[in-house]
């Protein structure tokens, strides 16, 4: 096995565990496996960076589109606080997050490699642009 060796002796156990049992005179070496990291070439880094930019741009675009759809579908005069119409608009935004996965698949962006943190970021960006665009459109309505 490759890696660095960790030396463990009886003194180490006595110090931390206050163990009063048999004395161990030999040192035991435990090897921790070393996981090699793959070095990315500058071209691979650039491709990954461009893919991240595409994913962020899609999240922003979907957020703006769902904000516009929310403005068109939900009557602006009926929005006062948190009611059924605002829930409809919120569900439209959530549907936009779900649609992103299918767009990523069509664009052949690596969706299996995306973890919870990545999807949380995508959802937040969509929510932020949806909220901003819908709020701007609602503020232009004369009551």
C-alpha atoms as a PDB file:
ATOM      1  CA  UNK A   1       0.000   0.000   0.000  1.00  0.00           C
ATOM      2  CA  UNK A   2       1.138   3.506  -0.667  1.00  0.00           C
ATOM      3  CA  UNK A   3       0.592   6.394   1.638  1.00  0.00           C
ATOM      4  CA  UNK A   4       1.902   7.725   4.864  1.00  0.00           C
ATOM      5  CA  UNK A   5       2.352   5.535   7.930  1.00  0.00           C
ATOM      6  CA  UNK A   6       0.714   6.468  11.205  1.00  0.00           C
ATOM      7  CA  UNK A   7       2.531   5.306  14.307  1.00  0.00           C
ATOM      8  CA  UNK A   8       0.401   4.286  17.303  1.00  0.00           C
ATOM      9  CA  UNK A   9       1.911   3.308  20.652  1.00  0.00           C
ATOM     10  CA  UNK A  10       0.614   2.382  24.102  1.00  0.00           C
ATOM     11  CA  UNK A  11       1.600   5.817  25.439  1.00  0.00           C
ATOM     12  CA  UNK A  12      -0.802   7.470  23.003  1.00  0.00           C
ATOM     13  CA  UNK A  13      -3.671   5.352  24.320  1.00  0.00           C
ATOM     14  CA  UNK A  14      -2.717   5.997  27.959  1.00  0.00           C
ATOM     15  CA  UNK A  15      -2.647   9.725  27.417  1.00  0.00           C
ATOM     16  CA  UNK A  16      -6.099   9.951  25.863  1.00  0.00           C
ATOM     17  CA  UNK A  17      -7.977   7.041  27.414  1.00  0.00           C
ATOM     18  CA  UNK A  18      -6.339   6.623  30.868  1.00  0.00           C
ATOM     19  CA  UNK A  19      -5.993   2.914  30.146  1.00  0.00           C
ATOM     20  CA  UNK A  20      -4.405   0.887  32.954  1.00  0.00           C
ATOM     21  CA  UNK A  21      -4.271  -2.548  31.265  1.00  0.00           C
ATOM     22  CA  UNK A  22      -1.444  -4.523  29.666  1.00  0.00           C
ATOM     23  CA  UNK A  23       1.567  -2.706  28.326  1.00  0.00           C
ATOM     24  CA  UNK A  24       2.114  -2.734  24.591  1.00  0.00           C
ATOM     25  CA  UNK A  25       5.802  -2.481  23.764  1.00  0.00           C
ATOM     26  CA  UNK A  26       5.680  -2.615  19.968  1.00  0.00           C
ATOM     27  CA  UNK A  27       4.535   0.174  17.745  1.00  0.00           C
ATOM     28  CA  UNK A  28       1.848  -0.646  15.233  1.00  0.00           C
ATOM     29  CA  UNK A  29       2.021   1.039  11.855  1.00  0.00           C
ATOM     30  CA  UNK A  30      -1.234   1.744  10.052  1.00  0.00           C
ATOM     31  CA  UNK A  31      -1.042   2.962   6.488  1.00  0.00           C
ATOM     32  CA  UNK A  32      -3.652   5.400   5.274  1.00  0.00           C
ATOM     33  CA  UNK A  33      -4.326   5.052   1.562  1.00  0.00           C
ATOM     34  CA  UNK A  34      -3.433   8.096  -0.463  1.00  0.00           C
ATOM     35  CA  UNK A  35      -6.066   9.140  -2.965  1.00  0.00           C
ATOM     36  CA  UNK A  36      -4.449  10.612  -6.054  1.00  0.00           C
ATOM     37  CA  UNK A  37      -6.139  13.736  -7.406  1.00  0.00           C
ATOM     38  CA  UNK A  38      -6.474  14.022 -11.123  1.00  0.00           C
ATOM     39  CA  UNK A  39      -4.789  17.125 -12.435  1.00  0.00           C
ATOM     40  CA  UNK A  40      -6.964  18.934 -14.942  1.00  0.00           C
ATOM     41  CA  UNK A  41      -5.448  20.470 -18.014  1.00  0.00           C
ATOM     42  CA  UNK A  42      -6.176  24.124 -18.739  1.00  0.00           C
ATOM     43  CA  UNK A  43      -8.476  23.056 -21.582  1.00  0.00           C
ATOM     44  CA  UNK A  44     -10.511  20.818 -19.242  1.00  0.00           C
ATOM     45  CA  UNK A  45     -10.742  23.611 -16.680  1.00  0.00           C
ATOM     46  CA  UNK A  46     -11.969  25.988 -19.371  1.00  0.00           C
ATOM     47  CA  UNK A  47     -14.645  23.528 -20.526  1.00  0.00           C
ATOM     48  CA  UNK A  48     -15.868  23.069 -16.944  1.00  0.00           C
ATOM     49  CA  UNK A  49     -15.919  26.842 -16.432  1.00  0.00           C
ATOM     50  CA  UNK A  50     -17.937  27.407 -19.614  1.00  0.00           C
ATOM     51  CA  UNK A  51     -20.407  24.693 -18.554  1.00  0.00           C
ATOM     52  CA  UNK A  52     -20.885  26.395 -15.175  1.00  0.00           C
ATOM     53  CA  UNK A  53     -21.492  29.719 -16.942  1.00  0.00           C
ATOM     54  CA  UNK A  54     -24.075  28.055 -19.208  1.00  0.00           C
ATOM     55  CA  UNK A  55     -25.881  26.521 -16.212  1.00  0.00           C
ATOM     56  CA  UNK A  56     -25.980  29.872 -14.418  1.00  0.00           C
ATOM     57  CA  UNK A  57     -27.214  31.677 -17.540  1.00  0.00           C
ATOM     58  CA  UNK A  58     -29.975  29.091 -17.979  1.00  0.00           C
ATOM     59  CA  UNK A  59     -31.061  29.538 -14.346  1.00  0.00           C
ATOM     60  CA  UNK A  60     -31.178  33.321 -14.793  1.00  0.00           C
ATOM     61  CA  UNK A  61     -33.063  33.097 -18.088  1.00  0.00           C
ATOM     62  CA  UNK A  62     -35.614  30.621 -16.672  1.00  0.00           C
ATOM     63  CA  UNK A  63     -36.092  32.902 -13.660  1.00  0.00           C
ATOM     64  CA  UNK A  64     -36.843  35.903 -15.869  1.00  0.00           C
ATOM     65  CA  UNK A  65     -39.183  33.877 -18.104  1.00  0.00           C
ATOM     66  CA  UNK A  66     -41.113  32.480 -15.119  1.00  0.00           C
ATOM     67  CA  UNK A  67     -41.340  36.011 -13.685  1.00  0.00           C
ATOM     68  CA  UNK A  68     -42.901  37.247 -16.920  1.00  0.00           C
ATOM     69  CA  UNK A  69     -45.273  34.248 -17.085  1.00  0.00           C
ATOM     70  CA  UNK A  70     -46.267  34.853 -13.455  1.00  0.00           C
ATOM     71  CA  UNK A  71     -47.071  38.474 -14.301  1.00  0.00           C
ATOM     72  CA  UNK A  72     -49.146  37.482 -17.319  1.00  0.00           C
ATOM     73  CA  UNK A  73     -51.070  34.648 -15.638  1.00  0.00           C
ATOM     74  CA  UNK A  74     -51.606  36.083 -12.166  1.00  0.00           C
ATOM     75  CA  UNK A  75     -53.794  39.217 -12.103  1.00  0.00           C
ATOM     76  CA  UNK A  76     -51.800  42.039 -10.521  1.00  0.00           C
ATOM     77  CA  UNK A  77     -54.815  43.618  -8.774  1.00  0.00           C
ATOM     78  CA  UNK A  78     -55.507  40.430  -6.809  1.00  0.00           C
ATOM     79  CA  UNK A  79     -52.068  40.215  -5.217  1.00  0.00           C
ATOM     80  CA  UNK A  80     -52.130  41.427  -1.638  1.00  0.00           C
ATOM     81  CA  UNK A  81     -49.917  39.386   0.623  1.00  0.00           C
ATOM     82  CA  UNK A  82     -49.541  35.642   0.521  1.00  0.00           C
ATOM     83  CA  UNK A  83     -52.589  34.047  -1.125  1.00  0.00           C
ATOM     84  CA  UNK A  84     -53.519  31.463  -3.770  1.00  0.00           C
ATOM     85  CA  UNK A  85     -52.281  33.639  -6.626  1.00  0.00           C
ATOM     86  CA  UNK A  86     -48.840  34.042  -5.108  1.00  0.00           C
ATOM     87  CA  UNK A  87     -48.719  30.257  -4.556  1.00  0.00           C
ATOM     88  CA  UNK A  88     -49.496  29.772  -8.269  1.00  0.00           C
ATOM     89  CA  UNK A  89     -46.630  32.089  -9.184  1.00  0.00           C
ATOM     90  CA  UNK A  90     -44.316  30.266  -6.770  1.00  0.00           C
ATOM     91  CA  UNK A  91     -45.245  26.901  -8.318  1.00  0.00           C
ATOM     92  CA  UNK A  92     -44.503  28.337 -11.764  1.00  0.00           C
ATOM     93  CA  UNK A  93     -41.023  29.228 -10.525  1.00  0.00           C
ATOM     94  CA  UNK A  94     -40.537  25.723  -9.081  1.00  0.00           C
ATOM     95  CA  UNK A  95     -41.618  24.249 -12.411  1.00  0.00           C
ATOM     96  CA  UNK A  96     -38.899  26.373 -13.997  1.00  0.00           C
ATOM     97  CA  UNK A  97     -36.307  24.726 -11.750  1.00  0.00           C
ATOM     98  CA  UNK A  98     -37.549  21.290 -12.824  1.00  0.00           C
ATOM     99  CA  UNK A  99     -37.444  22.293 -16.509  1.00  0.00           C
ATOM    100  CA  UNK A 100     -33.773  23.206 -16.100  1.00  0.00           C
ATOM    101  CA  UNK A 101     -32.812  19.575 -15.654  1.00  0.00           C
ATOM    102  CA  UNK A 102     -34.344  18.690 -19.003  1.00  0.00           C
ATOM    103  CA  UNK A 103     -32.643  21.650 -20.662  1.00  0.00           C
ATOM    104  CA  UNK A 104     -29.314  20.502 -19.223  1.00  0.00           C
ATOM    105  CA  UNK A 105     -29.895  17.016 -20.628  1.00  0.00           C
ATOM    106  CA  UNK A 106     -30.737  18.439 -24.066  1.00  0.00           C
ATOM    107  CA  UNK A 107     -27.617  20.618 -23.992  1.00  0.00           C
ATOM    108  CA  UNK A 108     -25.522  17.638 -22.796  1.00  0.00           C
ATOM    109  CA  UNK A 109     -24.362  19.365 -19.612  1.00  0.00           C
ATOM    110  CA  UNK A 110     -23.298  16.966 -16.847  1.00  0.00           C
ATOM    111  CA  UNK A 111     -26.454  16.643 -14.717  1.00  0.00           C
ATOM    112  CA  UNK A 112     -25.443  13.375 -12.967  1.00  0.00           C
ATOM    113  CA  UNK A 113     -22.387  15.142 -11.521  1.00  0.00           C
ATOM    114  CA  UNK A 114     -24.551  17.869  -9.975  1.00  0.00           C
ATOM    115  CA  UNK A 115     -25.069  17.405  -6.257  1.00  0.00           C
ATOM    116  CA  UNK A 116     -27.484  18.936  -3.778  1.00  0.00           C
ATOM    117  CA  UNK A 117     -25.371  22.044  -3.440  1.00  0.00           C
ATOM    118  CA  UNK A 118     -25.393  22.620  -7.203  1.00  0.00           C
ATOM    119  CA  UNK A 119     -29.156  22.217  -7.452  1.00  0.00           C
ATOM    120  CA  UNK A 120     -29.635  24.514  -4.474  1.00  0.00           C
ATOM    121  CA  UNK A 121     -27.573  27.140  -6.293  1.00  0.00           C
ATOM    122  CA  UNK A 122     -29.595  26.653  -9.493  1.00  0.00           C
ATOM    123  CA  UNK A 123     -32.846  26.947  -7.553  1.00  0.00           C
ATOM    124  CA  UNK A 124     -31.694  30.074  -5.734  1.00  0.00           C
ATOM    125  CA  UNK A 125     -30.621  31.802  -8.941  1.00  0.00           C
ATOM    126  CA  UNK A 126     -33.947  30.955 -10.573  1.00  0.00           C
ATOM    127  CA  UNK A 127     -35.846  32.176  -7.508  1.00  0.00           C
ATOM    128  CA  UNK A 128     -33.858  35.427  -7.327  1.00  0.00           C
ATOM    129  CA  UNK A 129     -34.396  36.337 -10.980  1.00  0.00           C
ATOM    130  CA  UNK A 130     -38.062  35.264 -10.842  1.00  0.00           C
ATOM    131  CA  UNK A 131     -38.664  37.413  -7.771  1.00  0.00           C
ATOM    132  CA  UNK A 132     -36.832  40.452  -9.157  1.00  0.00           C
ATOM    133  CA  UNK A 133     -38.461  40.332 -12.598  1.00  0.00           C
ATOM    134  CA  UNK A 134     -41.953  39.693 -11.209  1.00  0.00           C
ATOM    135  CA  UNK A 135     -41.551  42.479  -8.624  1.00  0.00           C
ATOM    136  CA  UNK A 136     -40.410  44.969 -11.259  1.00  0.00           C
ATOM    137  CA  UNK A 137     -43.337  44.074 -13.502  1.00  0.00           C
ATOM    138  CA  UNK A 138     -45.820  44.323 -10.600  1.00  0.00           C
ATOM    139  CA  UNK A 139     -44.450  47.736  -9.568  1.00  0.00           C
ATOM    140  CA  UNK A 140     -45.261  49.143 -13.009  1.00  0.00           C
ATOM    141  CA  UNK A 141     -48.998  48.347 -12.674  1.00  0.00           C
ATOM    142  CA  UNK A 142     -51.266  51.320 -11.997  1.00  0.00           C
ATOM    143  CA  UNK A 143     -54.004  50.533  -9.463  1.00  0.00           C
END
